[in-house]
Amino acid sequence: MGAIEQTVTITNKVGLHARPATLFVQTAARYSASVQARCGSREADAKRILEVLQLGAAQGATLTISADGADASEAVSALVALVRDNFGEEE
């Protein structure tokens, strides 16, 4: 099975920093698939907090989430839903 990929726009005010990045990494870690996040020319292992923070994904940025492995589809779906839900924050 090939890699699953989906693109989503970050809409929460602080972007992918601190608490949202922690939630993103914790969600990715629940899956056995290898998960990558890409923002512009930067790419990160979605299970590594420092790499995710270094993406510098601010509000309005486009984030491409890809995964490869047995539960890749579920991992991508969960991460996209997390971003679309503004990481559970009120706007």
PDB file of N, CA and C in Angstrom:
ATOM      1  N   MET A   1       0.849  -1.188   0.000  1.00  0.00           N
ATOM      2  CA  MET A   1       0.000   0.000   0.000  1.00  0.00           C
ATOM      3  C   MET A   1       0.891   1.247   0.000  1.00  0.00           C
ATOM      4  N   GLY A   2       0.582   2.207  -0.826  1.00  0.00           N
ATOM      5  CA  GLY A   2       1.373   3.428  -0.929  1.00  0.00           C
ATOM      6  C   GLY A   2       1.042   4.424   0.161  1.00  0.00           C
ATOM      7  N   ALA A   3       1.776   5.481   0.153  1.00  0.00           N
ATOM      8  CA  ALA A   3       1.579   6.525   1.164  1.00  0.00           C
ATOM      9  C   ALA A   3       0.248   7.240   0.947  1.00  0.00           C
ATOM     10  N   ILE A   4      -0.365   7.621   2.036  1.00  0.00           N
ATOM     11  CA  ILE A   4      -1.600   8.400   2.034  1.00  0.00           C
ATOM     12  C   ILE A   4      -1.198   9.844   2.311  1.00  0.00           C
ATOM     13  N   GLU A   5      -1.788  10.790   1.579  1.00  0.00           N
ATOM     14  CA  GLU A   5      -1.413  12.195   1.780  1.00  0.00           C
ATOM     15  C   GLU A   5      -2.647  13.077   1.714  1.00  0.00           C
ATOM     16  N   GLN A   6      -2.677  14.086   2.572  1.00  0.00           N
ATOM     17  CA  GLN A   6      -3.778  15.046   2.556  1.00  0.00           C
ATOM     18  C   GLN A   6      -3.243  16.408   2.996  1.00  0.00           C
ATOM     19  N   THR A   7      -3.826  17.465   2.431  1.00  0.00           N
ATOM     20  CA  THR A   7      -3.404  18.828   2.735  1.00  0.00           C
ATOM     21  C   THR A   7      -4.505  19.541   3.509  1.00  0.00           C
ATOM     22  N   VAL A   8      -4.091  20.337   4.495  1.00  0.00           N
ATOM     23  CA  VAL A   8      -5.044  21.060   5.333  1.00  0.00           C
ATOM     24  C   VAL A   8      -4.435  22.431   5.664  1.00  0.00           C
ATOM     25  N   THR A   9      -5.297  23.430   5.855  1.00  0.00           N
ATOM     26  CA  THR A   9      -4.832  24.777   6.208  1.00  0.00           C
ATOM     27  C   THR A   9      -4.971  24.984   7.711  1.00  0.00           C
ATOM     28  N   ILE A  10      -3.926  25.513   8.307  1.00  0.00           N
ATOM     29  CA  ILE A  10      -3.940  25.792   9.743  1.00  0.00           C
ATOM     30  C   ILE A  10      -4.711  27.089   9.978  1.00  0.00           C
ATOM     31  N   THR A  11      -5.763  27.006  10.795  1.00  0.00           N
ATOM     32  CA  THR A  11      -6.615  28.175  11.011  1.00  0.00           C
ATOM     33  C   THR A  11      -6.550  28.715  12.445  1.00  0.00           C
ATOM     34  N   ASN A  12      -5.975  27.938  13.385  1.00  0.00           N
ATOM     35  CA  ASN A  12      -5.920  28.465  14.753  1.00  0.00           C
ATOM     36  C   ASN A  12      -4.909  29.603  14.846  1.00  0.00           C
ATOM     37  N   LYS A  13      -5.123  30.490  15.814  1.00  0.00           N
ATOM     38  CA  LYS A  13      -4.361  31.745  15.890  1.00  0.00           C
ATOM     39  C   LYS A  13      -2.862  31.576  16.074  1.00  0.00           C
ATOM     40  N   VAL A  14      -2.431  30.610  16.871  1.00  0.00           N
ATOM     41  CA  VAL A  14      -1.001  30.477  17.157  1.00  0.00           C
ATOM     42  C   VAL A  14      -0.264  29.547  16.203  1.00  0.00           C
ATOM     43  N   GLY A  15      -1.009  28.914  15.305  1.00  0.00           N
ATOM     44  CA  GLY A  15      -0.363  27.988  14.386  1.00  0.00           C
ATOM     45  C   GLY A  15       0.042  26.708  15.098  1.00  0.00           C
ATOM     46  N   LEU A  16       1.034  26.035  14.531  1.00  0.00           N
ATOM     47  CA  LEU A  16       1.464  24.744  15.064  1.00  0.00           C
ATOM     48  C   LEU A  16       2.615  24.955  16.045  1.00  0.00           C
ATOM     49  N   HIS A  17       2.294  25.531  17.210  1.00  0.00           N
ATOM     50  CA  HIS A  17       3.300  25.826  18.227  1.00  0.00           C
ATOM     51  C   HIS A  17       2.846  25.289  19.572  1.00  0.00           C
ATOM     52  N   ALA A  18       3.792  25.011  20.461  1.00  0.00           N
ATOM     53  CA  ALA A  18       3.576  24.595  21.842  1.00  0.00           C
ATOM     54  C   ALA A  18       2.453  23.572  22.008  1.00  0.00           C
ATOM     55  N   ARG A  19       1.316  23.962  22.573  1.00  0.00           N
ATOM     56  CA  ARG A  19       0.247  23.000  22.856  1.00  0.00           C
ATOM     57  C   ARG A  19      -0.290  22.322  21.595  1.00  0.00           C
ATOM     58  N   PRO A  20      -0.590  23.069  20.517  1.00  0.00           N
ATOM     59  CA  PRO A  20      -1.075  22.394  19.318  1.00  0.00           C
ATOM     60  C   PRO A  20      -0.056  21.388  18.753  1.00  0.00           C
ATOM     61  N   ALA A  21       1.215  21.735  18.794  1.00  0.00           N
ATOM     62  CA  ALA A  21       2.248  20.820  18.288  1.00  0.00           C
ATOM     63  C   ALA A  21       2.322  19.564  19.153  1.00  0.00           C
ATOM     64  N   THR A  22       2.178  19.742  20.457  1.00  0.00           N
ATOM     65  CA  THR A  22       2.190  18.594  21.370  1.00  0.00           C
ATOM     66  C   THR A  22       1.030  17.658  21.065  1.00  0.00           C
ATOM     67  N   LEU A  23      -0.160  18.215  20.886  1.00  0.00           N
ATOM     68  CA  LEU A  23      -1.327  17.396  20.532  1.00  0.00           C
ATOM     69  C   LEU A  23      -1.116  16.688  19.197  1.00  0.00           C
ATOM     70  N   PHE A  24      -0.521  17.389  18.237  1.00  0.00           N
ATOM     71  CA  PHE A  24      -0.256  16.829  16.916  1.00  0.00           C
ATOM     72  C   PHE A  24       0.671  15.614  17.033  1.00  0.00           C
ATOM     73  N   VAL A  25       1.757  15.761  17.794  1.00  0.00           N
ATOM     74  CA  VAL A  25       2.737  14.688  17.970  1.00  0.00           C
ATOM     75  C   VAL A  25       2.111  13.517  18.744  1.00  0.00           C
ATOM     76  N   GLN A  26       1.359  13.816  19.788  1.00  0.00           N
ATOM     77  CA  GLN A  26       0.714  12.757  20.571  1.00  0.00           C
ATOM     78  C   GLN A  26      -0.271  11.963  19.705  1.00  0.00           C
ATOM     79  N   THR A  27      -0.995  12.658  18.833  1.00  0.00           N
ATOM     80  CA  THR A  27      -1.937  11.984  17.946  1.00  0.00           C
ATOM     81  C   THR A  27      -1.189  11.098  16.953  1.00  0.00           C
ATOM     82  N   ALA A  28      -0.137  11.624  16.350  1.00  0.00           N
ATOM     83  CA  ALA A  28       0.651  10.846  15.382  1.00  0.00           C
ATOM     84  C   ALA A  28       1.251   9.602  16.030  1.00  0.00           C
ATOM     85  N   ALA A  29       1.670   9.726  17.287  1.00  0.00           N
ATOM     86  CA  ALA A  29       2.325   8.630  17.999  1.00  0.00           C
ATOM     87  C   ALA A  29       1.382   7.465  18.297  1.00  0.00           C
ATOM     88  N   ARG A  30       0.092   7.683  18.196  1.00  0.00           N
ATOM     89  CA  ARG A  30      -0.873   6.604  18.452  1.00  0.00           C
ATOM     90  C   ARG A  30      -0.915   5.590  17.315  1.00  0.00           C
ATOM     91  N   TYR A  31      -0.278   5.896  16.212  1.00  0.00           N
ATOM     92  CA  TYR A  31      -0.335   5.033  15.030  1.00  0.00           C
ATOM     93  C   TYR A  31       1.028   4.429  14.736  1.00  0.00           C
ATOM     94  N   SER A  32       1.009   3.211  14.166  1.00  0.00           N
ATOM     95  CA  SER A  32       2.268   2.544  13.842  1.00  0.00           C
ATOM     96  C   SER A  32       2.866   3.059  12.533  1.00  0.00           C
ATOM     97  N   ALA A  33       2.057   3.666  11.694  1.00  0.00           N
ATOM     98  CA  ALA A  33       2.534   4.187  10.405  1.00  0.00           C
ATOM     99  C   ALA A  33       3.600   5.257  10.622  1.00  0.00           C
ATOM    100  N   SER A  34       4.505   5.399   9.658  1.00  0.00           N
ATOM    101  CA  SER A  34       5.432   6.527   9.713  1.00  0.00           C
ATOM    102  C   SER A  34       4.671   7.734   9.188  1.00  0.00           C
ATOM    103  N   VAL A  35       4.707   8.831   9.916  1.00  0.00           N
ATOM    104  CA  VAL A  35       3.907  10.011   9.581  1.00  0.00           C
ATOM    105  C   VAL A  35       4.823  11.215   9.389  1.00  0.00           C
ATOM    106  N   GLN A  36       4.632  11.926   8.282  1.00  0.00           N
ATOM    107  CA  GLN A  36       5.416  13.118   7.966  1.00  0.00           C
ATOM    108  C   GLN A  36       4.479  14.313   7.838  1.00  0.00           C
ATOM    109  N   ALA A  37       4.994  15.474   8.190  1.00  0.00           N
ATOM    110  CA  ALA A  37       4.256  16.723   7.996  1.00  0.00           C
ATOM    111  C   ALA A  37       5.164  17.648   7.197  1.00  0.00           C
ATOM    112  N   ARG A  38       4.595  18.328   6.223  1.00  0.00           N
ATOM    113  CA  ARG A  38       5.376  19.233   5.384  1.00  0.00           C
ATOM    114  C   ARG A  38       4.688  20.584   5.320  1.00  0.00           C
ATOM    115  N   CYS A  39       5.478  21.642   5.487  1.00  0.00           N
ATOM    116  CA  CYS A  39       4.988  23.008   5.390  1.00  0.00           C
ATOM    117  C   CYS A  39       6.000  23.766   4.545  1.00  0.00           C
ATOM    118  N   GLY A  40       5.611  24.141   3.336  1.00  0.00           N
ATOM    119  CA  GLY A  40       6.549  24.781   2.422  1.00  0.00           C
ATOM    120  C   GLY A  40       7.649  23.801   2.061  1.00  0.00           C
ATOM    121  N   SER A  41       8.895  24.209   2.214  1.00  0.00           N
ATOM    122  CA  SER A  41      10.015  23.330   1.874  1.00  0.00           C
ATOM    123  C   SER A  41      10.500  22.512   3.073  1.00  0.00           C
ATOM    124  N   ARG A  42       9.890  22.713   4.236  1.00  0.00           N
ATOM    125  CA  ARG A  42      10.312  21.995   5.444  1.00  0.00           C
ATOM    126  C   ARG A  42       9.482  20.736   5.644  1.00  0.00           C
ATOM    127  N   GLU A  43      10.153  19.676   6.082  1.00  0.00           N
ATOM    128  CA  GLU A  43       9.466  18.423   6.357  1.00  0.00           C
ATOM    129  C   GLU A  43       9.883  17.925   7.732  1.00  0.00           C
ATOM    130  N   ALA A  44       8.945  17.277   8.428  1.00  0.00           N
ATOM    131  CA  ALA A  44       9.219  16.802   9.782  1.00  0.00           C
ATOM    132  C   ALA A  44       8.608  15.431  10.002  1.00  0.00           C
ATOM    133  N   ASP A  45       9.247  14.672  10.879  1.00  0.00           N
ATOM    134  CA  ASP A  45       8.665  13.444  11.397  1.00  0.00           C
ATOM    135  C   ASP A  45       7.577  13.905  12.366  1.00  0.00           C
ATOM    136  N   ALA A  46       6.334  13.561  12.088  1.00  0.00           N
ATOM    137  CA  ALA A  46       5.207  14.056  12.888  1.00  0.00           C
ATOM    138  C   ALA A  46       5.192  13.504  14.312  1.00  0.00           C
ATOM    139  N   LYS A  47       6.085  12.573  14.619  1.00  0.00           N
ATOM    140  CA  LYS A  47       6.151  12.016  15.972  1.00  0.00           C
ATOM    141  C   LYS A  47       7.272  12.649  16.795  1.00  0.00           C
ATOM    142  N   ARG A  48       7.942  13.651  16.245  1.00  0.00           N
ATOM    143  CA  ARG A  48       9.058  14.311  16.939  1.00  0.00           C
ATOM    144  C   ARG A  48       8.729  15.787  17.142  1.00  0.00           C
ATOM    145  N   ILE A  49       8.537  16.175  18.398  1.00  0.00           N
ATOM    146  CA  ILE A  49       8.074  17.525  18.731  1.00  0.00           C
ATOM    147  C   ILE A  49       8.994  18.619  18.187  1.00  0.00           C
ATOM    148  N   LEU A  50      10.306  18.468  18.322  1.00  0.00           N
ATOM    149  CA  LEU A  50      11.199  19.524  17.848  1.00  0.00           C
ATOM    150  C   LEU A  50      11.111  19.711  16.340  1.00  0.00           C
ATOM    151  N   GLU A  51      10.998  18.606  15.616  1.00  0.00           N
ATOM    152  CA  GLU A  51      10.871  18.710  14.156  1.00  0.00           C
ATOM    153  C   GLU A  51       9.563  19.398  13.774  1.00  0.00           C
ATOM    154  N   VAL A  52       8.481  19.072  14.469  1.00  0.00           N
ATOM    155  CA  VAL A  52       7.184  19.692  14.171  1.00  0.00           C
ATOM    156  C   VAL A  52       7.236  21.191  14.466  1.00  0.00           C
ATOM    157  N   LEU A  53       7.842  21.571  15.581  1.00  0.00           N
ATOM    158  CA  LEU A  53       7.955  22.995  15.917  1.00  0.00           C
ATOM    159  C   LEU A  53       8.801  23.739  14.884  1.00  0.00           C
ATOM    160  N   GLN A  54       9.826  23.092  14.354  1.00  0.00           N
ATOM    161  CA  GLN A  54      10.714  23.731  13.380  1.00  0.00           C
ATOM    162  C   GLN A  54      10.058  23.937  12.014  1.00  0.00           C
ATOM    163  N   LEU A  55       8.880  23.353  11.813  1.00  0.00           N
ATOM    164  CA  LEU A  55       8.154  23.607  10.564  1.00  0.00           C
ATOM    165  C   LEU A  55       7.775  25.084  10.457  1.00  0.00           C
ATOM    166  N   GLY A  56       7.573  25.727  11.604  1.00  0.00           N
ATOM    167  CA  GLY A  56       7.180  27.132  11.608  1.00  0.00           C
ATOM    168  C   GLY A  56       5.820  27.360  10.971  1.00  0.00           C
ATOM    169  N   ALA A  57       4.912  26.413  11.135  1.00  0.00           N
ATOM    170  CA  ALA A  57       3.595  26.484  10.517  1.00  0.00           C
ATOM    171  C   ALA A  57       2.703  27.463  11.280  1.00  0.00           C
ATOM    172  N   ALA A  58       2.499  28.636  10.721  1.00  0.00           N
ATOM    173  CA  ALA A  58       1.691  29.682  11.348  1.00  0.00           C
ATOM    174  C   ALA A  58       0.254  29.622  10.841  1.00  0.00           C
ATOM    175  N   GLN A  59      -0.590  30.469  11.406  1.00  0.00           N
ATOM    176  CA  GLN A  59      -1.983  30.557  10.952  1.00  0.00           C
ATOM    177  C   GLN A  59      -2.001  30.863   9.462  1.00  0.00           C
ATOM    178  N   GLY A  60      -2.824  30.144   8.714  1.00  0.00           N
ATOM    179  CA  GLY A  60      -2.940  30.339   7.273  1.00  0.00           C
ATOM    180  C   GLY A  60      -1.999  29.472   6.454  1.00  0.00           C
ATOM    181  N   ALA A  61      -1.055  28.796   7.116  1.00  0.00           N
ATOM    182  CA  ALA A  61      -0.099  27.934   6.405  1.00  0.00           C
ATOM    183  C   ALA A  61      -0.791  26.658   5.931  1.00  0.00           C
ATOM    184  N   THR A  62      -0.298  26.128   4.834  1.00  0.00           N
ATOM    185  CA  THR A  62      -0.796  24.859   4.318  1.00  0.00           C
ATOM    186  C   THR A  62       0.112  23.758   4.820  1.00  0.00           C
ATOM    187  N   LEU A  63      -0.485  22.751   5.429  1.00  0.00           N
ATOM    188  CA  LEU A  63       0.247  21.632   5.992  1.00  0.00           C
ATOM    189  C   LEU A  63      -0.123  20.380   5.208  1.00  0.00           C
ATOM    190  N   THR A  64       0.883  19.675   4.712  1.00  0.00           N
ATOM    191  CA  THR A  64       0.645  18.417   4.016  1.00  0.00           C
ATOM    192  C   THR A  64       1.044  17.296   4.954  1.00  0.00           C
ATOM    193  N   ILE A  65       0.103  16.414   5.231  1.00  0.00           N
ATOM    194  CA  ILE A  65       0.325  15.298   6.147  1.00  0.00           C
ATOM    195  C   ILE A  65       0.332  14.024   5.328  1.00  0.00           C
ATOM    196  N   SER A  66       1.386  13.236   5.477  1.00  0.00           N
ATOM    197  CA  SER A  66       1.454  11.971   4.742  1.00  0.00           C
ATOM    198  C   SER A  66       1.861  10.862   5.699  1.00  0.00           C
ATOM    199  N   ALA A  67       1.409   9.660   5.401  1.00  0.00           N
ATOM    200  CA  ALA A  67       1.724   8.511   6.243  1.00  0.00           C
ATOM    201  C   ALA A  67       1.863   7.276   5.375  1.00  0.00           C
ATOM    202  N   ASP A  68       2.681   6.355   5.841  1.00  0.00           N
ATOM    203  CA  ASP A  68       2.898   5.098   5.141  1.00  0.00           C
ATOM    204  C   ASP A  68       2.946   3.982   6.177  1.00  0.00           C
ATOM    205  N   GLY A  69       2.118   2.983   5.983  1.00  0.00           N
ATOM    206  CA  GLY A  69       2.076   1.868   6.921  1.00  0.00           C
ATOM    207  C   GLY A  69       0.675   1.329   7.064  1.00  0.00           C
ATOM    208  N   ALA A  70       0.527   0.354   7.936  1.00  0.00           N
ATOM    209  CA  ALA A  70      -0.743  -0.361   8.089  1.00  0.00           C
ATOM    210  C   ALA A  70      -1.919   0.548   8.410  1.00  0.00           C
ATOM    211  N   ASP A  71      -1.723   1.526   9.296  1.00  0.00           N
ATOM    212  CA  ASP A  71      -2.828   2.397   9.704  1.00  0.00           C
ATOM    213  C   ASP A  71      -2.632   3.824   9.189  1.00  0.00           C
ATOM    214  N   ALA A  72      -1.994   3.959   8.042  1.00  0.00           N
ATOM    215  CA  ALA A  72      -1.682   5.275   7.469  1.00  0.00           C
ATOM    216  C   ALA A  72      -2.929   6.117   7.245  1.00  0.00           C
ATOM    217  N   SER A  73      -3.962   5.517   6.700  1.00  0.00           N
ATOM    218  CA  SER A  73      -5.193   6.260   6.402  1.00  0.00           C
ATOM    219  C   SER A  73      -5.814   6.826   7.677  1.00  0.00           C
ATOM    220  N   GLU A  74      -5.856   6.006   8.727  1.00  0.00           N
ATOM    221  CA  GLU A  74      -6.423   6.446   9.998  1.00  0.00           C
ATOM    222  C   GLU A  74      -5.579   7.567  10.605  1.00  0.00           C
ATOM    223  N   ALA A  75      -4.248   7.449  10.512  1.00  0.00           N
ATOM    224  CA  ALA A  75      -3.357   8.468  11.070  1.00  0.00           C
ATOM    225  C   ALA A  75      -3.566   9.809  10.383  1.00  0.00           C
ATOM    226  N   VAL A  76      -3.599   9.804   9.054  1.00  0.00           N
ATOM    227  CA  VAL A  76      -3.785  11.049   8.306  1.00  0.00           C
ATOM    228  C   VAL A  76      -5.149  11.646   8.626  1.00  0.00           C
ATOM    229  N   SER A  77      -6.185  10.820   8.656  1.00  0.00           N
ATOM    230  CA  SER A  77      -7.539  11.312   8.958  1.00  0.00           C
ATOM    231  C   SER A  77      -7.599  11.959  10.335  1.00  0.00           C
ATOM    232  N   ALA A  78      -6.980  11.324  11.327  1.00  0.00           N
ATOM    233  CA  ALA A  78      -7.011  11.859  12.699  1.00  0.00           C
ATOM    234  C   ALA A  78      -6.269  13.188  12.787  1.00  0.00           C
ATOM    235  N   LEU A  79      -5.130  13.299  12.119  1.00  0.00           N
ATOM    236  CA  LEU A  79      -4.355  14.540  12.175  1.00  0.00           C
ATOM    237  C   LEU A  79      -5.041  15.674  11.429  1.00  0.00           C
ATOM    238  N   VAL A  80      -5.631  15.365  10.292  1.00  0.00           N
ATOM    239  CA  VAL A  80      -6.374  16.380   9.540  1.00  0.00           C
ATOM    240  C   VAL A  80      -7.564  16.863  10.375  1.00  0.00           C
ATOM    241  N   ALA A  81      -8.276  15.944  11.021  1.00  0.00           N
ATOM    242  CA  ALA A  81      -9.416  16.325  11.866  1.00  0.00           C
ATOM    243  C   ALA A  81      -8.952  17.206  13.026  1.00  0.00           C
ATOM    244  N   LEU A  82      -7.804  16.892  13.616  1.00  0.00           N
ATOM    245  CA  LEU A  82      -7.260  17.689  14.718  1.00  0.00           C
ATOM    246  C   LEU A  82      -6.976  19.122  14.268  1.00  0.00           C
ATOM    247  N   VAL A  83      -6.357  19.280  13.104  1.00  0.00           N
ATOM    248  CA  VAL A  83      -6.050  20.617  12.578  1.00  0.00           C
ATOM    249  C   VAL A  83      -7.338  21.367  12.253  1.00  0.00           C
ATOM    250  N   ARG A  84      -8.283  20.692  11.606  1.00  0.00           N
ATOM    251  CA  ARG A  84      -9.554  21.349  11.237  1.00  0.00           C
ATOM    252  C   ARG A  84     -10.363  21.753  12.454  1.00  0.00           C
ATOM    253  N   ASP A  85     -10.154  21.053  13.566  1.00  0.00           N
ATOM    254  CA  ASP A  85     -10.849  21.357  14.817  1.00  0.00           C
ATOM    255  C   ASP A  85     -10.086  22.410  15.632  1.00  0.00           C
ATOM    256  N   ASN A  86      -9.101  23.063  14.995  1.00  0.00           N
ATOM    257  CA  ASN A  86      -8.272  24.077  15.663  1.00  0.00           C
ATOM    258  C   ASN A  86      -7.634  23.533  16.945  1.00  0.00           C
ATOM    259  N   PHE A  87      -7.275  22.247  16.924  1.00  0.00           N
ATOM    260  CA  PHE A  87      -6.605  21.609  18.061  1.00  0.00           C
ATOM    261  C   PHE A  87      -7.440  21.721  19.332  1.00  0.00           C
ATOM    262  N   GLY A  88      -8.772  21.754  19.158  1.00  0.00           N
ATOM    263  CA  GLY A  88      -9.673  21.803  20.294  1.00  0.00           C
ATOM    264  C   GLY A  88      -9.765  23.165  20.963  1.00  0.00           C
ATOM    265  N   GLU A  89      -9.207  24.195  20.315  1.00  0.00           N
ATOM    266  CA  GLU A  89      -9.236  25.544  20.899  1.00  0.00           C
ATOM    267  C   GLU A  89     -10.458  26.310  20.432  1.00  0.00           C
ATOM    268  N   GLU A  90     -10.932  27.193  21.291  1.00  0.00           N
ATOM    269  CA  GLU A  90     -12.036  28.092  20.917  1.00  0.00           C
ATOM    270  C   GLU A  90     -11.471  29.245  20.090  1.00  0.00           C
ATOM    271  N   GLU A  91     -12.205  29.657  19.097  1.00  0.00           N
ATOM    272  CA  GLU A  91     -11.750  30.792  18.260  1.00  0.00           C
ATOM    273  C   GLU A  91     -12.427  32.071  18.704  1.00  0.00           C
TER     274      GLU A  91
END
